[in-house]
PDB file of N, CA and C in Angstrom:
ATOM      1  N   UNK A   1     -23.222  78.170  69.932  1.00  0.00           N
ATOM      2  CA  UNK A   1     -22.348  78.539  71.401  1.00  0.00           C
ATOM      3  C   UNK A   1     -21.066  78.327  71.043  1.00  0.00           C
ATOM      4  N   UNK A   2     -20.049  78.930  72.270  1.00  0.00           N
ATOM      5  CA  UNK A   2     -18.678  78.167  72.367  1.00  0.00           C
ATOM      6  C   UNK A   2     -19.020  76.706  72.841  1.00  0.00           C
ATOM      7  N   UNK A   3     -20.159  76.485  73.864  1.00  0.00           N
ATOM      8  CA  UNK A   3     -20.120  75.417  74.438  1.00  0.00           C
ATOM      9  C   UNK A   3     -20.206  74.115  73.589  1.00  0.00           C
ATOM     10  N   UNK A   4     -21.193  74.572  72.594  1.00  0.00           N
ATOM     11  CA  UNK A   4     -21.643  73.474  71.512  1.00  0.00           C
ATOM     12  C   UNK A   4     -20.585  73.103  70.484  1.00  0.00           C
ATOM     13  N   UNK A   5     -19.984  74.241  70.034  1.00  0.00           N
ATOM     14  CA  UNK A   5     -18.553  74.070  69.148  1.00  0.00           C
ATOM     15  C   UNK A   5     -17.714  73.283  70.079  1.00  0.00           C
ATOM     16  N   UNK A   6     -17.615  73.351  71.379  1.00  0.00           N
ATOM     17  CA  UNK A   6     -16.421  72.639  71.905  1.00  0.00           C
ATOM     18  C   UNK A   6     -16.575  71.259  71.886  1.00  0.00           C
ATOM     19  N   UNK A   7     -18.034  70.914  71.999  1.00  0.00           N
ATOM     20  CA  UNK A   7     -18.353  69.514  72.108  1.00  0.00           C
ATOM     21  C   UNK A   7     -18.310  68.682  70.994  1.00  0.00           C
ATOM     22  N   UNK A   8     -18.712  69.576  69.714  1.00  0.00           N
ATOM     23  CA  UNK A   8     -19.056  69.342  68.520  1.00  0.00           C
ATOM     24  C   UNK A   8     -17.654  69.098  67.862  1.00  0.00           C
ATOM     25  N   UNK A   9     -16.260  69.615  68.476  1.00  0.00           N
ATOM     26  CA  UNK A   9     -15.274  69.489  67.734  1.00  0.00           C
ATOM     27  C   UNK A   9     -14.388  68.896  69.039  1.00  0.00           C
ATOM     28  N   UNK A  10     -15.029  68.433  70.132  1.00  0.00           N
ATOM     29  CA  UNK A  10     -14.035  67.773  70.874  1.00  0.00           C
ATOM     30  C   UNK A  10     -12.951  68.504  71.675  1.00  0.00           C
ATOM     31  N   UNK A  11     -13.108  69.449  71.691  1.00  0.00           N
ATOM     32  CA  UNK A  11     -12.112  70.668  72.239  1.00  0.00           C
ATOM     33  C   UNK A  11     -12.536  71.390  73.445  1.00  0.00           C
ATOM     34  N   UNK A  12     -11.438  71.694  74.184  1.00  0.00           N
ATOM     35  CA  UNK A  12     -11.638  72.233  75.491  1.00  0.00           C
ATOM     36  C   UNK A  12     -12.393  73.735  75.305  1.00  0.00           C
ATOM     37  N   UNK A  13     -13.180  73.727  76.241  1.00  0.00           N
ATOM     38  CA  UNK A  13     -14.198  75.316  76.168  1.00  0.00           C
ATOM     39  C   UNK A  13     -13.292  76.625  75.974  1.00  0.00           C
ATOM     40  N   UNK A  14     -12.263  76.652  76.878  1.00  0.00           N
ATOM     41  CA  UNK A  14     -11.198  77.607  76.758  1.00  0.00           C
ATOM     42  C   UNK A  14     -10.480  77.826  75.400  1.00  0.00           C
ATOM     43  N   UNK A  15     -10.310  76.647  74.859  1.00  0.00           N
ATOM     44  CA  UNK A  15      -9.564  76.870  73.574  1.00  0.00           C
ATOM     45  C   UNK A  15     -10.383  77.363  72.423  1.00  0.00           C
ATOM     46  N   UNK A  16     -11.512  76.969  72.303  1.00  0.00           N
ATOM     47  CA  UNK A  16     -12.878  77.685  71.484  1.00  0.00           C
ATOM     48  C   UNK A  16     -13.142  78.865  71.614  1.00  0.00           C
ATOM     49  N   UNK A  17     -13.201  79.244  73.121  1.00  0.00           N
ATOM     50  CA  UNK A  17     -13.158  80.680  73.420  1.00  0.00           C
ATOM     51  C   UNK A  17     -12.081  81.636  73.185  1.00  0.00           C
ATOM     52  N   UNK A  18     -11.002  81.096  73.171  1.00  0.00           N
ATOM     53  CA  UNK A  18      -9.653  81.494  72.524  1.00  0.00           C
ATOM     54  C   UNK A  18      -9.518  82.097  71.125  1.00  0.00           C
ATOM     55  N   UNK A  19     -10.125  80.772  70.444  1.00  0.00           N
ATOM     56  CA  UNK A  19      -9.841  81.015  69.237  1.00  0.00           C
ATOM     57  C   UNK A  19     -10.909  82.173  68.559  1.00  0.00           C
ATOM     58  N   UNK A  20     -12.150  81.908  68.999  1.00  0.00           N
ATOM     59  CA  UNK A  20     -13.119  83.367  68.541  1.00  0.00           C
ATOM     60  C   UNK A  20     -12.595  84.455  69.045  1.00  0.00           C
ATOM     61  N   UNK A  21     -12.260  84.773  70.110  1.00  0.00           N
ATOM     62  CA  UNK A  21     -11.655  86.107  70.160  1.00  0.00           C
ATOM     63  C   UNK A  21     -10.584  86.618  69.653  1.00  0.00           C
ATOM     64  N   UNK A  22      -9.539  85.490  69.096  1.00  0.00           N
ATOM     65  CA  UNK A  22      -8.691  85.691  67.937  1.00  0.00           C
ATOM     66  C   UNK A  22      -9.484  86.181  66.712  1.00  0.00           C
ATOM     67  N   UNK A  23     -10.327  85.107  66.293  1.00  0.00           N
ATOM     68  CA  UNK A  23     -10.954  85.658  65.161  1.00  0.00           C
ATOM     69  C   UNK A  23     -11.672  87.006  65.054  1.00  0.00           C
ATOM     70  N   UNK A  24     -12.270  87.242  66.043  1.00  0.00           N
ATOM     71  CA  UNK A  24     -12.855  88.636  66.330  1.00  0.00           C
ATOM     72  C   UNK A  24     -11.823  89.713  66.491  1.00  0.00           C
ATOM     73  N   UNK A  25     -10.705  89.414  66.808  1.00  0.00           N
ATOM     74  CA  UNK A  25      -9.816  90.363  66.976  1.00  0.00           C
ATOM     75  C   UNK A  25      -9.436  90.780  65.130  1.00  0.00           C
ATOM     76  N   UNK A  26      -9.284  89.774  64.417  1.00  0.00           N
ATOM     77  CA  UNK A  26      -8.638  89.774  63.315  1.00  0.00           C
ATOM     78  C   UNK A  26      -9.733  90.488  62.544  1.00  0.00           C
ATOM     79  N   UNK A  27     -11.096  90.240  62.882  1.00  0.00           N
ATOM     80  CA  UNK A  27     -12.198  90.673  62.197  1.00  0.00           C
ATOM     81  C   UNK A  27     -12.567  92.165  62.087  1.00  0.00           C
ATOM     82  N   UNK A  28     -11.697  92.757  63.536  1.00  0.00           N
ATOM     83  CA  UNK A  28     -12.270  93.784  64.407  1.00  0.00           C
ATOM     84  C   UNK A  28     -13.454  94.045  64.720  1.00  0.00           C
ATOM     85  N   UNK A  29     -13.923  92.779  65.425  1.00  0.00           N
ATOM     86  CA  UNK A  29     -15.602  93.070  65.988  1.00  0.00           C
ATOM     87  C   UNK A  29     -15.324  92.590  67.192  1.00  0.00           C
ATOM     88  N   UNK A  30     -16.335  92.461  67.817  1.00  0.00           N
ATOM     89  CA  UNK A  30     -16.196  92.564  69.431  1.00  0.00           C
ATOM     90  C   UNK A  30     -17.906  91.636  70.032  1.00  0.00           C
ATOM     91  N   UNK A  31     -19.017  91.403  68.995  1.00  0.00           N
ATOM     92  CA  UNK A  31     -20.060  90.979  69.247  1.00  0.00           C
ATOM     93  C   UNK A  31     -20.643  89.959  68.297  1.00  0.00           C
ATOM     94  N   UNK A  32     -21.101  88.811  68.617  1.00  0.00           N
ATOM     95  CA  UNK A  32     -21.635  87.916  67.769  1.00  0.00           C
ATOM     96  C   UNK A  32     -23.079  88.923  66.760  1.00  0.00           C
ATOM     97  N   UNK A  33     -23.410  89.889  67.244  1.00  0.00           N
ATOM     98  CA  UNK A  33     -24.597  90.806  66.271  1.00  0.00           C
ATOM     99  C   UNK A  33     -23.714  91.338  65.383  1.00  0.00           C
ATOM    100  N   UNK A  34     -22.136  91.719  65.507  1.00  0.00           N
ATOM    101  CA  UNK A  34     -21.495  92.308  64.495  1.00  0.00           C
ATOM    102  C   UNK A  34     -20.912  91.035  63.635  1.00  0.00           C
ATOM    103  N   UNK A  35     -20.444  90.129  63.766  1.00  0.00           N
ATOM    104  CA  UNK A  35     -20.072  89.103  63.101  1.00  0.00           C
ATOM    105  C   UNK A  35     -21.371  88.799  62.173  1.00  0.00           C
ATOM    106  N   UNK A  36     -22.634  88.454  62.549  1.00  0.00           N
ATOM    107  CA  UNK A  36     -23.660  88.346  61.372  1.00  0.00           C
ATOM    108  C   UNK A  36     -23.983  89.323  60.625  1.00  0.00           C
ATOM    109  N   UNK A  37     -23.674  91.088  61.036  1.00  0.00           N
ATOM    110  CA  UNK A  37     -23.828  91.885  60.166  1.00  0.00           C
ATOM    111  C   UNK A  37     -22.666  91.726  59.371  1.00  0.00           C
ATOM    112  N   UNK A  38     -21.748  91.528  59.566  1.00  0.00           N
ATOM    113  CA  UNK A  38     -20.340  91.359  58.648  1.00  0.00           C
ATOM    114  C   UNK A  38     -20.609  89.994  57.636  1.00  0.00           C
ATOM    115  N   UNK A  39     -21.350  89.323  58.448  1.00  0.00           N
ATOM    116  CA  UNK A  39     -21.794  87.866  57.258  1.00  0.00           C
ATOM    117  C   UNK A  39     -22.477  88.447  56.047  1.00  0.00           C
ATOM    118  N   UNK A  40     -23.601  89.208  56.480  1.00  0.00           N
ATOM    119  CA  UNK A  40     -24.749  89.491  55.697  1.00  0.00           C
ATOM    120  C   UNK A  40     -24.456  90.633  54.975  1.00  0.00           C
ATOM    121  N   UNK A  41     -23.668  91.760  54.997  1.00  0.00           N
ATOM    122  CA  UNK A  41     -22.935  92.404  54.608  1.00  0.00           C
ATOM    123  C   UNK A  41     -21.848  92.327  53.753  1.00  0.00           C
ATOM    124  N   UNK A  42     -20.829  91.652  54.071  1.00  0.00           N
ATOM    125  CA  UNK A  42     -19.613  91.653  53.296  1.00  0.00           C
ATOM    126  C   UNK A  42     -19.573  90.501  52.641  1.00  0.00           C
ATOM    127  N   UNK A  43     -20.159  89.310  53.121  1.00  0.00           N
ATOM    128  CA  UNK A  43     -19.847  87.918  52.478  1.00  0.00           C
ATOM    129  C   UNK A  43     -21.128  87.392  51.714  1.00  0.00           C
ATOM    130  N   UNK A  44     -22.431  88.111  51.771  1.00  0.00           N
ATOM    131  CA  UNK A  44     -23.624  87.759  51.171  1.00  0.00           C
ATOM    132  C   UNK A  44     -24.013  86.522  51.747  1.00  0.00           C
ATOM    133  N   UNK A  45     -23.961  86.379  52.746  1.00  0.00           N
ATOM    134  CA  UNK A  45     -24.439  85.113  53.322  1.00  0.00           C
ATOM    135  C   UNK A  45     -26.091  85.311  53.429  1.00  0.00           C
ATOM    136  N   UNK A  46     -26.667  84.139  52.886  1.00  0.00           N
ATOM    137  CA  UNK A  46     -28.093  84.178  53.428  1.00  0.00           C
ATOM    138  C   UNK A  46     -28.642  83.547  54.387  1.00  0.00           C
ATOM    139  N   UNK A  47     -29.505  83.876  54.966  1.00  0.00           N
ATOM    140  CA  UNK A  47     -30.017  83.291  56.513  1.00  0.00           C
ATOM    141  C   UNK A  47     -31.506  83.059  56.115  1.00  0.00           C
ATOM    142  N   UNK A  48     -31.841  81.893  56.185  1.00  0.00           N
ATOM    143  CA  UNK A  48     -33.231  81.176  56.180  1.00  0.00           C
ATOM    144  C   UNK A  48     -33.609  81.441  57.783  1.00  0.00           C
ATOM    145  N   UNK A  49     -34.358  82.580  58.103  1.00  0.00           N
ATOM    146  CA  UNK A  49     -35.255  82.899  59.342  1.00  0.00           C
ATOM    147  C   UNK A  49     -36.758  82.204  59.421  1.00  0.00           C
ATOM    148  N   UNK A  50     -37.069  81.138  60.212  1.00  0.00           N
ATOM    149  CA  UNK A  50     -38.176  80.373  60.240  1.00  0.00           C
ATOM    150  C   UNK A  50     -38.871  80.359  61.450  1.00  0.00           C
TER     151      UNK A  50
END
């Protein structure tokens, strides 16, 4: 989540949110589901679902 990323990176949650929106815009996506789909299909990222 954005909150956990901001805590992990010691950054303001608004900064992380802005960076996420910027990255999504560059990739022409709008949702986390689209990001996962992109990762699985375009970058061949494997996911271990247990």
